[in-house]
């Protein structure tokens, strides 16, 4: 028996959502079992069934976000910012172009 993953969409505008899995010897039986198990009361408009062995995982999940660095959207993206600002300030001070005056309004 193989395991078949079942996906559905409630309306035509909805994305496919994983609803569960069924064990069946072939695709035809998997479709019957998926329909009887998850769509018995007409809950969806679309049903997809795929063999679990045919689904593949992305090897490096850190590449899922694309190539643009968007770490600023999360708190951990700001670790080390204070140290970087101190390094930049000391570099500018060594060149004689650092501003040491307090900010206005403080």
N, C-alpha and C. Protein backbone atom coordinates (compact mmCIF):
# COMPACT_ATOMS: atom_id res chain seq x y z
N UNK A 1 0.84 -1.18 0.00
CA UNK A 1 0.00 0.00 0.00
C UNK A 1 0.88 1.24 0.00
N UNK A 2 0.49 2.17 -0.81
CA UNK A 2 1.22 3.44 -0.88
C UNK A 2 0.42 4.52 -0.16
N UNK A 3 1.13 5.55 0.26
CA UNK A 3 0.47 6.69 0.90
C UNK A 3 0.28 7.77 -0.15
N UNK A 4 -0.93 8.31 -0.22
CA UNK A 4 -1.30 9.35 -1.18
C UNK A 4 -1.70 10.59 -0.41
N UNK A 5 -1.10 11.73 -0.75
CA UNK A 5 -1.43 13.00 -0.10
C UNK A 5 -2.61 13.62 -0.84
N UNK A 6 -3.53 14.20 -0.08
CA UNK A 6 -4.76 14.75 -0.64
C UNK A 6 -4.78 16.26 -0.42
N UNK A 7 -5.05 16.99 -1.49
CA UNK A 7 -5.15 18.45 -1.46
C UNK A 7 -6.52 18.86 -1.98
N UNK A 8 -7.03 19.97 -1.47
CA UNK A 8 -8.34 20.42 -1.93
C UNK A 8 -8.41 21.93 -1.97
N UNK A 9 -9.44 22.40 -2.63
CA UNK A 9 -9.77 23.82 -2.58
C UNK A 9 -11.27 23.93 -2.35
N UNK A 10 -11.64 24.78 -1.41
CA UNK A 10 -13.06 24.92 -1.05
C UNK A 10 -13.84 25.67 -2.12
N UNK A 11 -13.24 26.74 -2.67
CA UNK A 11 -13.86 27.48 -3.77
C UNK A 11 -12.84 27.58 -4.89
N UNK A 12 -13.28 28.00 -6.05
CA UNK A 12 -12.37 28.13 -7.19
C UNK A 12 -11.29 29.19 -6.96
N UNK A 13 -11.54 30.15 -6.07
CA UNK A 13 -10.58 31.22 -5.80
C UNK A 13 -9.56 30.85 -4.72
N UNK A 14 -9.80 29.77 -3.99
CA UNK A 14 -8.90 29.38 -2.90
C UNK A 14 -7.68 28.63 -3.43
N UNK A 15 -6.56 28.71 -2.69
CA UNK A 15 -5.40 27.91 -3.07
C UNK A 15 -5.59 26.45 -2.65
N UNK A 16 -4.77 25.58 -3.21
CA UNK A 16 -4.80 24.17 -2.79
C UNK A 16 -4.28 24.07 -1.36
N UNK A 17 -4.95 23.27 -0.56
CA UNK A 17 -4.57 23.09 0.84
C UNK A 17 -4.47 21.59 1.12
N UNK A 18 -3.43 21.20 1.83
CA UNK A 18 -3.28 19.79 2.20
C UNK A 18 -4.33 19.45 3.25
N UNK A 19 -5.14 18.43 2.98
CA UNK A 19 -6.19 18.05 3.92
C UNK A 19 -5.92 16.72 4.61
N UNK A 20 -4.97 15.94 4.12
CA UNK A 20 -4.66 14.68 4.75
C UNK A 20 -4.04 13.69 3.80
N UNK A 21 -4.07 12.42 4.18
CA UNK A 21 -3.48 11.37 3.37
C UNK A 21 -4.34 10.11 3.46
N UNK A 22 -4.25 9.30 2.42
CA UNK A 22 -4.94 8.00 2.41
C UNK A 22 -3.95 6.94 1.96
N UNK A 23 -4.18 5.71 2.38
CA UNK A 23 -3.37 4.58 1.93
C UNK A 23 -4.18 3.80 0.91
N UNK A 24 -3.58 3.58 -0.26
CA UNK A 24 -4.29 2.87 -1.32
C UNK A 24 -3.27 2.19 -2.22
N UNK A 25 -3.67 1.12 -2.90
CA UNK A 25 -2.75 0.39 -3.77
C UNK A 25 -2.49 1.10 -5.10
N UNK A 26 -3.44 1.93 -5.57
CA UNK A 26 -3.26 2.62 -6.85
C UNK A 26 -4.01 3.95 -6.84
N UNK A 27 -3.82 4.72 -7.92
CA UNK A 27 -4.41 6.05 -8.01
C UNK A 27 -5.93 6.00 -7.98
N UNK A 28 -6.51 5.07 -8.69
CA UNK A 28 -7.97 5.00 -8.76
C UNK A 28 -8.58 4.80 -7.37
N UNK A 29 -8.01 3.91 -6.60
CA UNK A 29 -8.52 3.66 -5.24
C UNK A 29 -8.22 4.86 -4.34
N UNK A 30 -7.07 5.51 -4.55
CA UNK A 30 -6.74 6.70 -3.75
C UNK A 30 -7.76 7.80 -3.99
N UNK A 31 -8.20 7.98 -5.23
CA UNK A 31 -9.21 8.99 -5.53
C UNK A 31 -10.54 8.67 -4.86
N UNK A 32 -10.92 7.41 -4.89
CA UNK A 32 -12.17 7.00 -4.24
C UNK A 32 -12.08 7.23 -2.73
N UNK A 33 -10.99 6.80 -2.13
CA UNK A 33 -10.83 6.96 -0.68
C UNK A 33 -10.74 8.43 -0.28
N UNK A 34 -10.06 9.25 -1.09
CA UNK A 34 -9.97 10.68 -0.79
C UNK A 34 -11.35 11.32 -0.84
N UNK A 35 -12.13 10.96 -1.86
CA UNK A 35 -13.47 11.52 -1.98
C UNK A 35 -14.34 11.11 -0.80
N UNK A 36 -14.28 9.85 -0.44
CA UNK A 36 -15.11 9.35 0.67
C UNK A 36 -14.64 9.86 2.03
N UNK A 37 -13.35 10.07 2.17
CA UNK A 37 -12.81 10.49 3.47
C UNK A 37 -12.93 11.99 3.69
N UNK A 38 -12.60 12.79 2.68
CA UNK A 38 -12.50 14.23 2.89
C UNK A 38 -13.60 15.05 2.21
N UNK A 39 -14.32 14.48 1.26
CA UNK A 39 -15.29 15.27 0.50
C UNK A 39 -16.67 14.63 0.50
N UNK A 40 -16.97 13.87 1.50
CA UNK A 40 -18.21 13.13 1.62
C UNK A 40 -19.44 14.05 1.59
N UNK A 41 -19.30 15.26 2.15
CA UNK A 41 -20.43 16.18 2.24
C UNK A 41 -20.30 17.33 1.25
N UNK A 42 -19.51 17.18 0.21
CA UNK A 42 -19.36 18.23 -0.80
C UNK A 42 -18.63 19.45 -0.30
N UNK A 43 -17.56 19.25 0.50
CA UNK A 43 -16.85 20.37 1.12
C UNK A 43 -15.99 21.17 0.16
N UNK A 44 -15.65 20.65 -1.00
CA UNK A 44 -14.74 21.36 -1.88
C UNK A 44 -15.17 21.31 -3.33
N UNK A 45 -14.46 22.10 -4.16
CA UNK A 45 -14.74 22.12 -5.59
C UNK A 45 -13.65 21.43 -6.40
N UNK A 46 -12.52 21.15 -5.74
CA UNK A 46 -11.38 20.58 -6.45
C UNK A 46 -10.62 19.66 -5.52
N UNK A 47 -10.16 18.52 -6.04
CA UNK A 47 -9.43 17.54 -5.23
C UNK A 47 -8.23 17.06 -6.03
N UNK A 48 -7.07 17.09 -5.41
CA UNK A 48 -5.84 16.61 -6.04
C UNK A 48 -5.26 15.51 -5.15
N UNK A 49 -4.75 14.47 -5.77
CA UNK A 49 -4.14 13.37 -5.05
C UNK A 49 -2.77 13.10 -5.67
N UNK A 50 -1.75 12.99 -4.82
CA UNK A 50 -0.40 12.71 -5.31
C UNK A 50 0.31 11.70 -4.44
N UNK A 51 1.05 10.82 -5.06
CA UNK A 51 1.81 9.81 -4.32
C UNK A 51 2.86 10.52 -3.47
N UNK A 52 2.96 10.11 -2.22
CA UNK A 52 3.89 10.76 -1.30
C UNK A 52 5.32 10.69 -1.83
N UNK A 53 5.70 9.62 -2.47
CA UNK A 53 7.05 9.48 -3.02
C UNK A 53 7.34 10.42 -4.17
N UNK A 54 6.29 10.97 -4.79
CA UNK A 54 6.48 11.89 -5.91
C UNK A 54 6.60 13.34 -5.47
N UNK A 55 6.37 13.61 -4.19
CA UNK A 55 6.53 14.96 -3.67
C UNK A 55 7.98 15.15 -3.25
N UNK A 56 8.52 16.31 -3.57
CA UNK A 56 9.94 16.55 -3.29
C UNK A 56 10.10 17.81 -2.45
N UNK A 57 11.06 17.75 -1.57
CA UNK A 57 11.35 18.84 -0.65
C UNK A 57 12.48 19.69 -1.20
N UNK A 58 12.41 20.99 -0.95
CA UNK A 58 13.51 21.89 -1.30
C UNK A 58 14.66 21.61 -0.35
N UNK A 59 15.85 21.37 -0.89
CA UNK A 59 17.00 20.97 -0.07
C UNK A 59 17.46 22.07 0.88
N UNK A 60 17.47 23.32 0.42
CA UNK A 60 17.95 24.44 1.23
C UNK A 60 16.80 25.40 1.49
N UNK A 61 16.09 25.25 2.61
CA UNK A 61 14.92 26.10 2.84
C UNK A 61 15.27 27.58 2.96
N UNK A 62 16.53 27.91 3.25
CA UNK A 62 16.88 29.32 3.34
C UNK A 62 16.82 30.01 1.98
N UNK A 63 16.75 29.25 0.90
CA UNK A 63 16.65 29.85 -0.43
C UNK A 63 15.21 30.07 -0.86
N UNK A 64 14.24 29.70 -0.03
CA UNK A 64 12.84 29.84 -0.42
C UNK A 64 12.41 31.29 -0.55
N UNK A 65 13.01 32.19 0.17
CA UNK A 65 12.59 33.59 0.13
C UNK A 65 13.09 34.35 -1.08
N UNK A 66 13.80 33.72 -1.96
CA UNK A 66 14.35 34.44 -3.10
C UNK A 66 15.76 34.89 -2.82
N UNK A 67 16.30 35.69 -3.71
CA UNK A 67 17.69 36.11 -3.56
C UNK A 67 17.83 37.45 -2.86
N UNK A 68 16.74 38.16 -2.67
CA UNK A 68 16.80 39.45 -2.00
C UNK A 68 16.85 39.26 -0.50
N UNK A 69 17.78 39.95 0.15
CA UNK A 69 17.91 39.86 1.60
C UNK A 69 16.83 40.70 2.26
N UNK A 70 15.94 40.06 2.98
CA UNK A 70 14.85 40.77 3.65
C UNK A 70 14.87 40.47 5.14
N UNK A 71 16.08 40.32 5.70
CA UNK A 71 16.18 40.02 7.12
C UNK A 71 15.70 41.17 7.98
N UNK A 72 15.61 42.38 7.41
CA UNK A 72 15.13 43.53 8.17
C UNK A 72 13.67 43.34 8.60
N UNK A 73 12.97 42.40 8.01
CA UNK A 73 11.57 42.16 8.36
C UNK A 73 11.43 41.36 9.65
N UNK A 74 12.51 40.77 10.12
CA UNK A 74 12.47 39.97 11.35
C UNK A 74 13.43 40.58 12.37
N UNK A 75 13.13 40.33 13.63
CA UNK A 75 13.94 40.91 14.71
C UNK A 75 15.38 40.45 14.64
N UNK A 76 15.61 39.17 14.28
CA UNK A 76 16.99 38.67 14.26
C UNK A 76 17.83 39.33 13.16
N UNK A 77 17.18 40.03 12.25
CA UNK A 77 17.92 40.75 11.21
C UNK A 77 18.66 41.96 11.75
N UNK A 78 18.33 42.37 12.98
CA UNK A 78 18.95 43.55 13.56
C UNK A 78 20.04 43.21 14.57
N UNK A 79 20.40 41.95 14.70
CA UNK A 79 21.48 41.61 15.62
C UNK A 79 22.79 42.12 15.04
N UNK A 80 23.56 42.73 15.88
CA UNK A 80 24.85 43.25 15.46
C UNK A 80 24.81 44.66 14.89
N UNK A 81 23.63 45.29 14.83
CA UNK A 81 23.53 46.64 14.27
C UNK A 81 24.26 47.65 15.14
N UNK A 82 24.12 47.51 16.47
CA UNK A 82 24.79 48.45 17.38
C UNK A 82 26.30 48.39 17.21
N UNK A 83 26.86 47.19 17.12
CA UNK A 83 28.30 47.03 16.94
C UNK A 83 28.74 47.62 15.60
N UNK A 84 27.93 47.44 14.57
CA UNK A 84 28.26 47.99 13.25
C UNK A 84 28.26 49.51 13.30
N UNK A 85 27.28 50.10 13.99
CA UNK A 85 27.23 51.56 14.10
C UNK A 85 28.46 52.10 14.84
N UNK A 86 28.88 51.38 15.89
CA UNK A 86 30.08 51.80 16.62
C UNK A 86 31.32 51.72 15.74
N UNK A 87 31.43 50.66 14.93
CA UNK A 87 32.57 50.53 14.01
C UNK A 87 32.58 51.66 12.98
N UNK A 88 31.41 51.96 12.43
CA UNK A 88 31.33 53.03 11.43
C UNK A 88 31.67 54.37 12.07
N UNK A 89 31.16 54.61 13.28
CA UNK A 89 31.44 55.88 13.96
C UNK A 89 32.95 56.03 14.24
N UNK A 90 33.57 54.94 14.72
CA UNK A 90 35.00 55.04 15.00
C UNK A 90 35.81 55.23 13.71
N UNK A 91 35.39 54.59 12.61
CA UNK A 91 36.07 54.78 11.32
C UNK A 91 35.94 56.22 10.84
N UNK A 92 34.74 56.78 10.96
CA UNK A 92 34.55 58.18 10.56
C UNK A 92 35.30 59.13 11.47
N UNK A 93 35.35 58.82 12.77
CA UNK A 93 36.09 59.66 13.71
C UNK A 93 37.57 59.64 13.39
N UNK A 94 38.10 58.49 12.97
CA UNK A 94 39.52 58.42 12.62
C UNK A 94 39.82 59.26 11.37
N UNK A 95 38.83 59.44 10.53
CA UNK A 95 38.99 60.29 9.34
C UNK A 95 38.67 61.75 9.63
N UNK A 96 38.14 62.03 10.85
CA UNK A 96 37.82 63.39 11.23
C UNK A 96 36.49 63.88 10.69
N UNK A 97 35.60 62.99 10.35
CA UNK A 97 34.31 63.43 9.81
C UNK A 97 33.12 62.92 10.62
N UNK A 98 33.33 62.50 11.86
CA UNK A 98 32.24 62.02 12.71
C UNK A 98 31.54 63.20 13.37
N UNK A 99 30.27 63.06 13.60
CA UNK A 99 29.48 64.09 14.28
C UNK A 99 29.25 63.61 15.70
N UNK A 100 29.73 64.40 16.66
CA UNK A 100 29.61 64.02 18.06
C UNK A 100 28.55 64.80 18.80
N UNK A 101 27.87 65.74 18.14
CA UNK A 101 26.84 66.53 18.79
C UNK A 101 25.61 65.68 19.04
N UNK A 102 24.87 65.96 20.14
CA UNK A 102 23.65 65.22 20.37
C UNK A 102 22.59 65.57 19.33
N UNK A 103 21.63 64.71 19.19
CA UNK A 103 20.55 64.97 18.24
C UNK A 103 19.70 66.15 18.73
N UNK A 104 19.14 66.90 17.82
CA UNK A 104 18.26 68.02 18.23
C UNK A 104 17.03 67.47 18.93
N UNK A 105 16.53 68.24 19.91
CA UNK A 105 15.33 67.86 20.62
C UNK A 105 15.55 66.90 21.76
N UNK A 106 16.79 66.68 22.15
CA UNK A 106 17.05 65.77 23.27
C UNK A 106 17.62 66.50 24.44
